[in-house]
Amino acid sequence: MSAVQSSLFAENKMGAKPRTYAANPQHVRNRLRGLLEEMRAAERWPWDGAVLDLYRDIVPPRLYAELPDAEEAARWRAQIEAEAARLDSVL
């Protein structure tokens, strides 16, 4: 094995911390706004199957978690859950 390949798996000797992802809160808000607008414009769920499951159960909670303020996340959650309840009622 070459020195380059072995160094890929070596411990970080410089003491640098690994990079972590920090979402830009404005991008998160834009994504939530777009999701909410799409839901509000629809007469019934605009997605089906796995995509519906993704946008109902997975994406919003992950986006809420990326917001720095829990109260703001709760406001987004309430609005999106209200639209989800409306869309569920027309199934």
PDB file of N, CA and C in Angstrom:
ATOM      1  N   MET A   1       0.862  -1.169   0.000  1.00  0.00           N
ATOM      2  CA  MET A   1       0.000   0.000   0.000  1.00  0.00           C
ATOM      3  C   MET A   1       0.904   1.227   0.000  1.00  0.00           C
ATOM      4  N   SER A   2       0.543   2.197  -0.796  1.00  0.00           N
ATOM      5  CA  SER A   2       1.371   3.399  -0.870  1.00  0.00           C
ATOM      6  C   SER A   2       1.133   4.280   0.349  1.00  0.00           C
ATOM      7  N   ALA A   3       2.026   5.227   0.576  1.00  0.00           N
ATOM      8  CA  ALA A   3       1.910   6.147   1.711  1.00  0.00           C
ATOM      9  C   ALA A   3       0.667   7.020   1.579  1.00  0.00           C
ATOM     10  N   VAL A   4       0.292   7.351   0.344  1.00  0.00           N
ATOM     11  CA  VAL A   4      -0.890   8.182   0.127  1.00  0.00           C
ATOM     12  C   VAL A   4      -2.143   7.429   0.545  1.00  0.00           C
ATOM     13  N   GLN A   5      -2.239   6.173   0.146  1.00  0.00           N
ATOM     14  CA  GLN A   5      -3.416   5.389   0.502  1.00  0.00           C
ATOM     15  C   GLN A   5      -3.510   5.161   2.005  1.00  0.00           C
ATOM     16  N   SER A   6      -2.421   4.851   2.628  1.00  0.00           N
ATOM     17  CA  SER A   6      -2.488   4.603   4.064  1.00  0.00           C
ATOM     18  C   SER A   6      -2.824   5.873   4.831  1.00  0.00           C
ATOM     19  N   SER A   7      -2.444   7.018   4.324  1.00  0.00           N
ATOM     20  CA  SER A   7      -2.739   8.260   5.036  1.00  0.00           C
ATOM     21  C   SER A   7      -4.224   8.613   4.989  1.00  0.00           C
ATOM     22  N   LEU A   8      -4.962   8.029   4.061  1.00  0.00           N
ATOM     23  CA  LEU A   8      -6.393   8.286   4.006  1.00  0.00           C
ATOM     24  C   LEU A   8      -7.099   7.798   5.266  1.00  0.00           C
ATOM     25  N   PHE A   9      -6.540   6.778   5.883  1.00  0.00           N
ATOM     26  CA  PHE A   9      -7.173   6.168   7.043  1.00  0.00           C
ATOM     27  C   PHE A   9      -6.439   6.461   8.346  1.00  0.00           C
ATOM     28  N   ALA A  10      -5.382   7.216   8.263  1.00  0.00           N
ATOM     29  CA  ALA A  10      -4.610   7.548   9.461  1.00  0.00           C
ATOM     30  C   ALA A  10      -5.375   8.556  10.300  1.00  0.00           C
ATOM     31  N   GLU A  11      -5.098   8.546  11.581  1.00  0.00           N
ATOM     32  CA  GLU A  11      -5.723   9.526  12.456  1.00  0.00           C
ATOM     33  C   GLU A  11      -5.224  10.917  12.101  1.00  0.00           C
ATOM     34  N   ASN A  12      -6.059  11.884  12.362  1.00  0.00           N
ATOM     35  CA  ASN A  12      -5.704  13.270  12.106  1.00  0.00           C
ATOM     36  C   ASN A  12      -4.668  13.685  13.137  1.00  0.00           C
ATOM     37  N   LYS A  13      -3.466  13.929  12.685  1.00  0.00           N
ATOM     38  CA  LYS A  13      -2.385  14.280  13.601  1.00  0.00           C
ATOM     39  C   LYS A  13      -2.274  15.788  13.798  1.00  0.00           C
ATOM     40  N   MET A  14      -3.005  16.565  13.042  1.00  0.00           N
ATOM     41  CA  MET A  14      -2.927  18.012  13.143  1.00  0.00           C
ATOM     42  C   MET A  14      -3.870  18.550  14.212  1.00  0.00           C
ATOM     43  N   GLY A  15      -4.743  17.714  14.752  1.00  0.00           N
ATOM     44  CA  GLY A  15      -5.675  18.158  15.775  1.00  0.00           C
ATOM     45  C   GLY A  15      -6.882  18.894  15.231  1.00  0.00           C
ATOM     46  N   ALA A  16      -7.042  18.921  13.920  1.00  0.00           N
ATOM     47  CA  ALA A  16      -8.192  19.610  13.325  1.00  0.00           C
ATOM     48  C   ALA A  16      -9.450  18.795  13.579  1.00  0.00           C
ATOM     49  N   LYS A  17     -10.516  19.487  13.881  1.00  0.00           N
ATOM     50  CA  LYS A  17     -11.791  18.822  14.094  1.00  0.00           C
ATOM     51  C   LYS A  17     -12.421  18.499  12.744  1.00  0.00           C
ATOM     52  N   PRO A  18     -13.147  17.390  12.669  1.00  0.00           N
ATOM     53  CA  PRO A  18     -13.826  17.082  11.402  1.00  0.00           C
ATOM     54  C   PRO A  18     -14.897  18.127  11.110  1.00  0.00           C
ATOM     55  N   ARG A  19     -15.111  18.357   9.856  1.00  0.00           N
ATOM     56  CA  ARG A  19     -16.140  19.322   9.450  1.00  0.00           C
ATOM     57  C   ARG A  19     -17.522  18.769   9.773  1.00  0.00           C
ATOM     58  N   THR A  20     -18.393  19.645  10.179  1.00  0.00           N
ATOM     59  CA  THR A  20     -19.785  19.260  10.371  1.00  0.00           C
ATOM     60  C   THR A  20     -20.636  20.167   9.503  1.00  0.00           C
ATOM     61  N   TYR A  21     -21.766  19.654   9.105  1.00  0.00           N
ATOM     62  CA  TYR A  21     -22.674  20.424   8.262  1.00  0.00           C
ATOM     63  C   TYR A  21     -23.552  21.296   9.140  1.00  0.00           C
ATOM     64  N   ALA A  22     -23.616  22.565   8.812  1.00  0.00           N
ATOM     65  CA  ALA A  22     -24.527  23.491   9.485  1.00  0.00           C
ATOM     66  C   ALA A  22     -25.385  24.131   8.403  1.00  0.00           C
ATOM     67  N   ALA A  23     -26.650  23.815   8.434  1.00  0.00           N
ATOM     68  CA  ALA A  23     -27.566  24.343   7.423  1.00  0.00           C
ATOM     69  C   ALA A  23     -27.720  25.849   7.581  1.00  0.00           C
ATOM     70  N   ASN A  24     -27.864  26.515   6.469  1.00  0.00           N
ATOM     71  CA  ASN A  24     -28.146  27.947   6.476  1.00  0.00           C
ATOM     72  C   ASN A  24     -29.630  28.098   6.824  1.00  0.00           C
ATOM     73  N   PRO A  25     -29.954  28.753   7.954  1.00  0.00           N
ATOM     74  CA  PRO A  25     -31.360  28.866   8.356  1.00  0.00           C
ATOM     75  C   PRO A  25     -32.256  29.490   7.285  1.00  0.00           C
ATOM     76  N   GLN A  26     -31.728  30.422   6.507  1.00  0.00           N
ATOM     77  CA  GLN A  26     -32.555  31.027   5.466  1.00  0.00           C
ATOM     78  C   GLN A  26     -32.887  30.017   4.368  1.00  0.00           C
ATOM     79  N   HIS A  27     -31.964  29.135   4.056  1.00  0.00           N
ATOM     80  CA  HIS A  27     -32.241  28.089   3.064  1.00  0.00           C
ATOM     81  C   HIS A  27     -33.304  27.124   3.596  1.00  0.00           C
ATOM     82  N   VAL A  28     -33.213  26.823   4.887  1.00  0.00           N
ATOM     83  CA  VAL A  28     -34.213  25.942   5.508  1.00  0.00           C
ATOM     84  C   VAL A  28     -35.584  26.607   5.441  1.00  0.00           C
ATOM     85  N   ARG A  29     -35.651  27.888   5.787  1.00  0.00           N
ATOM     86  CA  ARG A  29     -36.938  28.613   5.724  1.00  0.00           C
ATOM     87  C   ARG A  29     -37.488  28.632   4.307  1.00  0.00           C
ATOM     88  N   ASN A  30     -36.616  28.858   3.331  1.00  0.00           N
ATOM     89  CA  ASN A  30     -37.059  28.869   1.931  1.00  0.00           C
ATOM     90  C   ASN A  30     -37.625  27.510   1.534  1.00  0.00           C
ATOM     91  N   ARG A  31     -36.991  26.446   1.986  1.00  0.00           N
ATOM     92  CA  ARG A  31     -37.460  25.096   1.649  1.00  0.00           C
ATOM     93  C   ARG A  31     -38.809  24.824   2.313  1.00  0.00           C
ATOM     94  N   LEU A  32     -38.938  25.217   3.584  1.00  0.00           N
ATOM     95  CA  LEU A  32     -40.215  25.046   4.273  1.00  0.00           C
ATOM     96  C   LEU A  32     -41.307  25.887   3.624  1.00  0.00           C
ATOM     97  N   ARG A  33     -40.975  27.114   3.245  1.00  0.00           N
ATOM     98  CA  ARG A  33     -41.945  27.996   2.588  1.00  0.00           C
ATOM     99  C   ARG A  33     -42.414  27.378   1.271  1.00  0.00           C
ATOM    100  N   GLY A  34     -41.484  26.847   0.492  1.00  0.00           N
ATOM    101  CA  GLY A  34     -41.845  26.218  -0.776  1.00  0.00           C
ATOM    102  C   GLY A  34     -42.725  24.999  -0.581  1.00  0.00           C
ATOM    103  N   LEU A  35     -42.403  24.201   0.412  1.00  0.00           N
ATOM    104  CA  LEU A  35     -43.203  23.016   0.716  1.00  0.00           C
ATOM    105  C   LEU A  35     -44.614  23.427   1.128  1.00  0.00           C
ATOM    106  N   LEU A  36     -44.711  24.412   1.996  1.00  0.00           N
ATOM    107  CA  LEU A  36     -46.014  24.882   2.473  1.00  0.00           C
ATOM    108  C   LEU A  36     -46.829  25.495   1.330  1.00  0.00           C
ATOM    109  N   GLU A  37     -46.198  26.283   0.479  1.00  0.00           N
ATOM    110  CA  GLU A  37     -46.906  26.879  -0.662  1.00  0.00           C
ATOM    111  C   GLU A  37     -47.435  25.804  -1.599  1.00  0.00           C
ATOM    112  N   GLU A  38     -46.629  24.775  -1.837  1.00  0.00           N
ATOM    113  CA  GLU A  38     -47.075  23.693  -2.723  1.00  0.00           C
ATOM    114  C   GLU A  38     -48.267  22.953  -2.107  1.00  0.00           C
ATOM    115  N   MET A  39     -48.230  22.755  -0.810  1.00  0.00           N
ATOM    116  CA  MET A  39     -49.341  22.084  -0.140  1.00  0.00           C
ATOM    117  C   MET A  39     -50.594  22.957  -0.174  1.00  0.00           C
ATOM    118  N   ARG A  40     -50.444  24.245   0.090  1.00  0.00           N
ATOM    119  CA  ARG A  40     -51.602  25.149   0.107  1.00  0.00           C
ATOM    120  C   ARG A  40     -52.253  25.283  -1.267  1.00  0.00           C
ATOM    121  N   ALA A  41     -51.454  25.189  -2.313  1.00  0.00           N
ATOM    122  CA  ALA A  41     -51.976  25.337  -3.671  1.00  0.00           C
ATOM    123  C   ALA A  41     -52.698  24.076  -4.163  1.00  0.00           C
ATOM    124  N   ALA A  42     -52.487  22.970  -3.466  1.00  0.00           N
ATOM    125  CA  ALA A  42     -53.039  21.692  -3.920  1.00  0.00           C
ATOM    126  C   ALA A  42     -54.430  21.442  -3.342  1.00  0.00           C
ATOM    127  N   GLU A  43     -55.280  20.818  -4.158  1.00  0.00           N
ATOM    128  CA  GLU A  43     -56.602  20.405  -3.684  1.00  0.00           C
ATOM    129  C   GLU A  43     -56.525  19.046  -2.997  1.00  0.00           C
ATOM    130  N   ARG A  44     -55.543  18.249  -3.379  1.00  0.00           N
ATOM    131  CA  ARG A  44     -55.263  16.963  -2.736  1.00  0.00           C
ATOM    132  C   ARG A  44     -53.751  16.813  -2.705  1.00  0.00           C
ATOM    133  N   TRP A  45     -53.277  15.814  -1.989  1.00  0.00           N
ATOM    134  CA  TRP A  45     -51.820  15.654  -1.868  1.00  0.00           C
ATOM    135  C   TRP A  45     -51.164  15.708  -3.246  1.00  0.00           C
ATOM    136  N   PRO A  46     -50.157  16.575  -3.407  1.00  0.00           N
ATOM    137  CA  PRO A  46     -49.503  16.700  -4.711  1.00  0.00           C
ATOM    138  C   PRO A  46     -48.493  15.589  -4.999  1.00  0.00           C
ATOM    139  N   TRP A  47     -48.324  14.650  -4.087  1.00  0.00           N
ATOM    140  CA  TRP A  47     -47.382  13.545  -4.268  1.00  0.00           C
ATOM    141  C   TRP A  47     -48.079  12.242  -3.924  1.00  0.00           C
ATOM    142  N   ASP A  48     -47.536  11.110  -4.395  1.00  0.00           N
ATOM    143  CA  ASP A  48     -48.057   9.812  -3.983  1.00  0.00           C
ATOM    144  C   ASP A  48     -46.908   8.889  -3.613  1.00  0.00           C
ATOM    145  N   GLY A  49     -47.286   7.782  -3.014  1.00  0.00           N
ATOM    146  CA  GLY A  49     -46.332   6.724  -2.693  1.00  0.00           C
ATOM    147  C   GLY A  49     -45.193   7.172  -1.798  1.00  0.00           C
ATOM    148  N   ALA A  50     -44.000   6.758  -2.191  1.00  0.00           N
ATOM    149  CA  ALA A  50     -42.808   7.028  -1.395  1.00  0.00           C
ATOM    150  C   ALA A  50     -42.504   8.521  -1.304  1.00  0.00           C
ATOM    151  N   VAL A  51     -42.828   9.270  -2.352  1.00  0.00           N
ATOM    152  CA  VAL A  51     -42.581  10.721  -2.328  1.00  0.00           C
ATOM    153  C   VAL A  51     -43.485  11.381  -1.291  1.00  0.00           C
ATOM    154  N   LEU A  52     -44.728  10.939  -1.225  1.00  0.00           N
ATOM    155  CA  LEU A  52     -45.641  11.457  -0.202  1.00  0.00           C
ATOM    156  C   LEU A  52     -45.106  11.147   1.192  1.00  0.00           C
ATOM    157  N   ASP A  53     -44.678   9.912   1.405  1.00  0.00           N
ATOM    158  CA  ASP A  53     -44.108   9.549   2.708  1.00  0.00           C
ATOM    159  C   ASP A  53     -42.899  10.422   3.039  1.00  0.00           C
ATOM    160  N   LEU A  54     -42.073  10.668   2.051  1.00  0.00           N
ATOM    161  CA  LEU A  54     -40.889  11.498   2.248  1.00  0.00           C
ATOM    162  C   LEU A  54     -41.269  12.906   2.695  1.00  0.00           C
ATOM    163  N   TYR A  55     -42.220  13.522   1.991  1.00  0.00           N
ATOM    164  CA  TYR A  55     -42.591  14.904   2.302  1.00  0.00           C
ATOM    165  C   TYR A  55     -43.535  15.027   3.492  1.00  0.00           C
ATOM    166  N   ARG A  56     -44.126  13.946   3.934  1.00  0.00           N
ATOM    167  CA  ARG A  56     -44.974  13.998   5.129  1.00  0.00           C
ATOM    168  C   ARG A  56     -44.194  13.672   6.378  1.00  0.00           C
ATOM    169  N   ASP A  57     -43.331  12.659   6.308  1.00  0.00           N
ATOM    170  CA  ASP A  57     -42.752  12.104   7.527  1.00  0.00           C
ATOM    171  C   ASP A  57     -41.260  12.360   7.725  1.00  0.00           C
ATOM    172  N   ILE A  58     -40.533  12.622   6.667  1.00  0.00           N
ATOM    173  CA  ILE A  58     -39.076  12.696   6.795  1.00  0.00           C
ATOM    174  C   ILE A  58     -38.539  14.113   6.628  1.00  0.00           C
ATOM    175  N   VAL A  59     -38.887  14.765   5.545  1.00  0.00           N
ATOM    176  CA  VAL A  59     -38.300  16.075   5.237  1.00  0.00           C
ATOM    177  C   VAL A  59     -38.651  17.153   6.269  1.00  0.00           C
ATOM    178  N   PRO A  60     -39.931  17.383   6.576  1.00  0.00           N
ATOM    179  CA  PRO A  60     -40.230  18.475   7.519  1.00  0.00           C
ATOM    180  C   PRO A  60     -39.535  18.349   8.877  1.00  0.00           C
ATOM    181  N   PRO A  61     -39.564  17.187   9.543  1.00  0.00           N
ATOM    182  CA  PRO A  61     -38.882  17.110  10.838  1.00  0.00           C
ATOM    183  C   PRO A  61     -37.384  17.413  10.750  1.00  0.00           C
ATOM    184  N   ARG A  62     -36.762  16.978   9.682  1.00  0.00           N
ATOM    185  CA  ARG A  62     -35.327  17.281   9.520  1.00  0.00           C
ATOM    186  C   ARG A  62     -35.106  18.775   9.329  1.00  0.00           C
ATOM    187  N   LEU A  63     -36.009  19.410   8.589  1.00  0.00           N
ATOM    188  CA  LEU A  63     -35.880  20.852   8.390  1.00  0.00           C
ATOM    189  C   LEU A  63     -36.138  21.610   9.693  1.00  0.00           C
ATOM    190  N   TYR A  64     -37.154  21.197  10.451  1.00  0.00           N
ATOM    191  CA  TYR A  64     -37.423  21.867  11.733  1.00  0.00           C
ATOM    192  C   TYR A  64     -36.192  21.802  12.631  1.00  0.00           C
ATOM    193  N   ALA A  65     -35.530  20.659  12.631  1.00  0.00           N
ATOM    194  CA  ALA A  65     -34.359  20.464  13.490  1.00  0.00           C
ATOM    195  C   ALA A  65     -33.193  21.373  13.102  1.00  0.00           C
ATOM    196  N   GLU A  66     -33.171  21.822  11.861  1.00  0.00           N
ATOM    197  CA  GLU A  66     -32.081  22.686  11.387  1.00  0.00           C
ATOM    198  C   GLU A  66     -32.300  24.152  11.742  1.00  0.00           C
ATOM    199  N   LEU A  67     -33.491  24.499  12.202  1.00  0.00           N
ATOM    200  CA  LEU A  67     -33.749  25.894  12.575  1.00  0.00           C
ATOM    201  C   LEU A  67     -33.163  26.178  13.948  1.00  0.00           C
ATOM    202  N   PRO A  68     -32.556  27.355  14.117  1.00  0.00           N
ATOM    203  CA  PRO A  68     -31.907  27.668  15.393  1.00  0.00           C
ATOM    204  C   PRO A  68     -32.882  27.986  16.519  1.00  0.00           C
ATOM    205  N   ASP A  69     -34.124  28.305  16.202  1.00  0.00           N
ATOM    206  CA  ASP A  69     -35.091  28.722  17.206  1.00  0.00           C
ATOM    207  C   ASP A  69     -36.233  27.708  17.287  1.00  0.00           C
ATOM    208  N   ALA A  70     -36.436  27.127  18.453  1.00  0.00           N
ATOM    209  CA  ALA A  70     -37.476  26.111  18.642  1.00  0.00           C
ATOM    210  C   ALA A  70     -38.869  26.682  18.437  1.00  0.00           C
ATOM    211  N   GLU A  71     -39.079  27.929  18.797  1.00  0.00           N
ATOM    212  CA  GLU A  71     -40.401  28.545  18.603  1.00  0.00           C
ATOM    213  C   GLU A  71     -40.709  28.709  17.119  1.00  0.00           C
ATOM    214  N   GLU A  72     -39.719  29.105  16.354  1.00  0.00           N
ATOM    215  CA  GLU A  72     -39.914  29.224  14.908  1.00  0.00           C
ATOM    216  C   GLU A  72     -40.215  27.849  14.308  1.00  0.00           C
ATOM    217  N   ALA A  73     -39.479  26.844  14.737  1.00  0.00           N
ATOM    218  CA  ALA A  73     -39.719  25.480  14.245  1.00  0.00           C
ATOM    219  C   ALA A  73     -41.142  25.040  14.581  1.00  0.00           C
ATOM    220  N   ALA A  74     -41.621  25.380  15.777  1.00  0.00           N
ATOM    221  CA  ALA A  74     -42.985  25.017  16.182  1.00  0.00           C
ATOM    222  C   ALA A  74     -44.026  25.717  15.307  1.00  0.00           C
ATOM    223  N   ARG A  75     -43.771  26.968  14.931  1.00  0.00           N
ATOM    224  CA  ARG A  75     -44.706  27.682  14.050  1.00  0.00           C
ATOM    225  C   ARG A  75     -44.772  27.015  12.683  1.00  0.00           C
ATOM    226  N   TRP A  76     -43.610  26.678  12.120  1.00  0.00           N
ATOM    227  CA  TRP A  76     -43.593  25.982  10.827  1.00  0.00           C
ATOM    228  C   TRP A  76     -44.310  24.643  10.941  1.00  0.00           C
ATOM    229  N   ARG A  77     -44.026  23.911  12.024  1.00  0.00           N
ATOM    230  CA  ARG A  77     -44.653  22.598  12.217  1.00  0.00           C
ATOM    231  C   ARG A  77     -46.173  22.728  12.253  1.00  0.00           C
ATOM    232  N   ALA A  78     -46.678  23.714  12.988  1.00  0.00           N
ATOM    233  CA  ALA A  78     -48.133  23.907  13.093  1.00  0.00           C
ATOM    234  C   ALA A  78     -48.749  24.204  11.729  1.00  0.00           C
ATOM    235  N   GLN A  79     -48.104  25.048  10.950  1.00  0.00           N
ATOM    236  CA  GLN A  79     -48.650  25.394   9.631  1.00  0.00           C
ATOM    237  C   GLN A  79     -48.647  24.190   8.695  1.00  0.00           C
ATOM    238  N   ILE A  80     -47.559  23.453   8.681  1.00  0.00           N
ATOM    239  CA  ILE A  80     -47.459  22.306   7.776  1.00  0.00           C
ATOM    240  C   ILE A  80     -48.393  21.185   8.227  1.00  0.00           C
ATOM    241  N   GLU A  81     -48.506  20.966   9.537  1.00  0.00           N
ATOM    242  CA  GLU A  81     -49.431  19.941  10.019  1.00  0.00           C
ATOM    243  C   GLU A  81     -50.879  20.307   9.729  1.00  0.00           C
ATOM    244  N   ALA A  82     -51.206  21.593   9.783  1.00  0.00           N
ATOM    245  CA  ALA A  82     -52.573  22.026   9.444  1.00  0.00           C
ATOM    246  C   ALA A  82     -52.872  21.737   7.977  1.00  0.00           C
ATOM    247  N   GLU A  83     -51.921  22.019   7.106  1.00  0.00           N
ATOM    248  CA  GLU A  83     -52.118  21.717   5.676  1.00  0.00           C
ATOM    249  C   GLU A  83     -52.187  20.215   5.439  1.00  0.00           C
ATOM    250  N   ALA A  84     -51.377  19.460   6.155  1.00  0.00           N
ATOM    251  CA  ALA A  84     -51.415  18.003   6.010  1.00  0.00           C
ATOM    252  C   ALA A  84     -52.776  17.456   6.434  1.00  0.00           C
ATOM    253  N   ALA A  85     -53.325  17.999   7.522  1.00  0.00           N
ATOM    254  CA  ALA A  85     -54.659  17.565   7.967  1.00  0.00           C
ATOM    255  C   ALA A  85     -55.716  17.914   6.918  1.00  0.00           C
ATOM    256  N   ARG A  86     -55.597  19.079   6.327  1.00  0.00           N
ATOM    257  CA  ARG A  86     -56.557  19.469   5.268  1.00  0.00           C
ATOM    258  C   ARG A  86     -56.454  18.505   4.094  1.00  0.00           C
ATOM    259  N   LEU A  87     -55.231  18.216   3.674  1.00  0.00           N
ATOM    260  CA  LEU A  87     -55.040  17.324   2.527  1.00  0.00           C
ATOM    261  C   LEU A  87     -55.469  15.892   2.865  1.00  0.00           C
ATOM    262  N   ASP A  88     -55.265  15.481   4.097  1.00  0.00           N
ATOM    263  CA  ASP A  88     -55.714  14.141   4.510  1.00  0.00           C
ATOM    264  C   ASP A  88     -57.236  14.032   4.463  1.00  0.00           C
ATOM    265  N   SER A  89     -57.918  15.136   4.741  1.00  0.00           N
ATOM    266  CA  SER A  89     -59.378  15.094   4.796  1.00  0.00           C
ATOM    267  C   SER A  89     -60.020  14.898   3.425  1.00  0.00           C
ATOM    268  N   VAL A  90     -59.287  15.130   2.359  1.00  0.00           N
ATOM    269  CA  VAL A  90     -59.864  14.962   1.016  1.00  0.00           C
ATOM    270  C   VAL A  90     -59.458  13.638   0.371  1.00  0.00           C
ATOM    271  N   LEU A  91     -58.804  12.790   1.122  1.00  0.00           N
ATOM    272  CA  LEU A  91     -58.399  11.487   0.564  1.00  0.00           C
ATOM    273  C   LEU A  91     -59.596  10.635   0.261  1.00  0.00           C
TER     274      LEU A  91
END
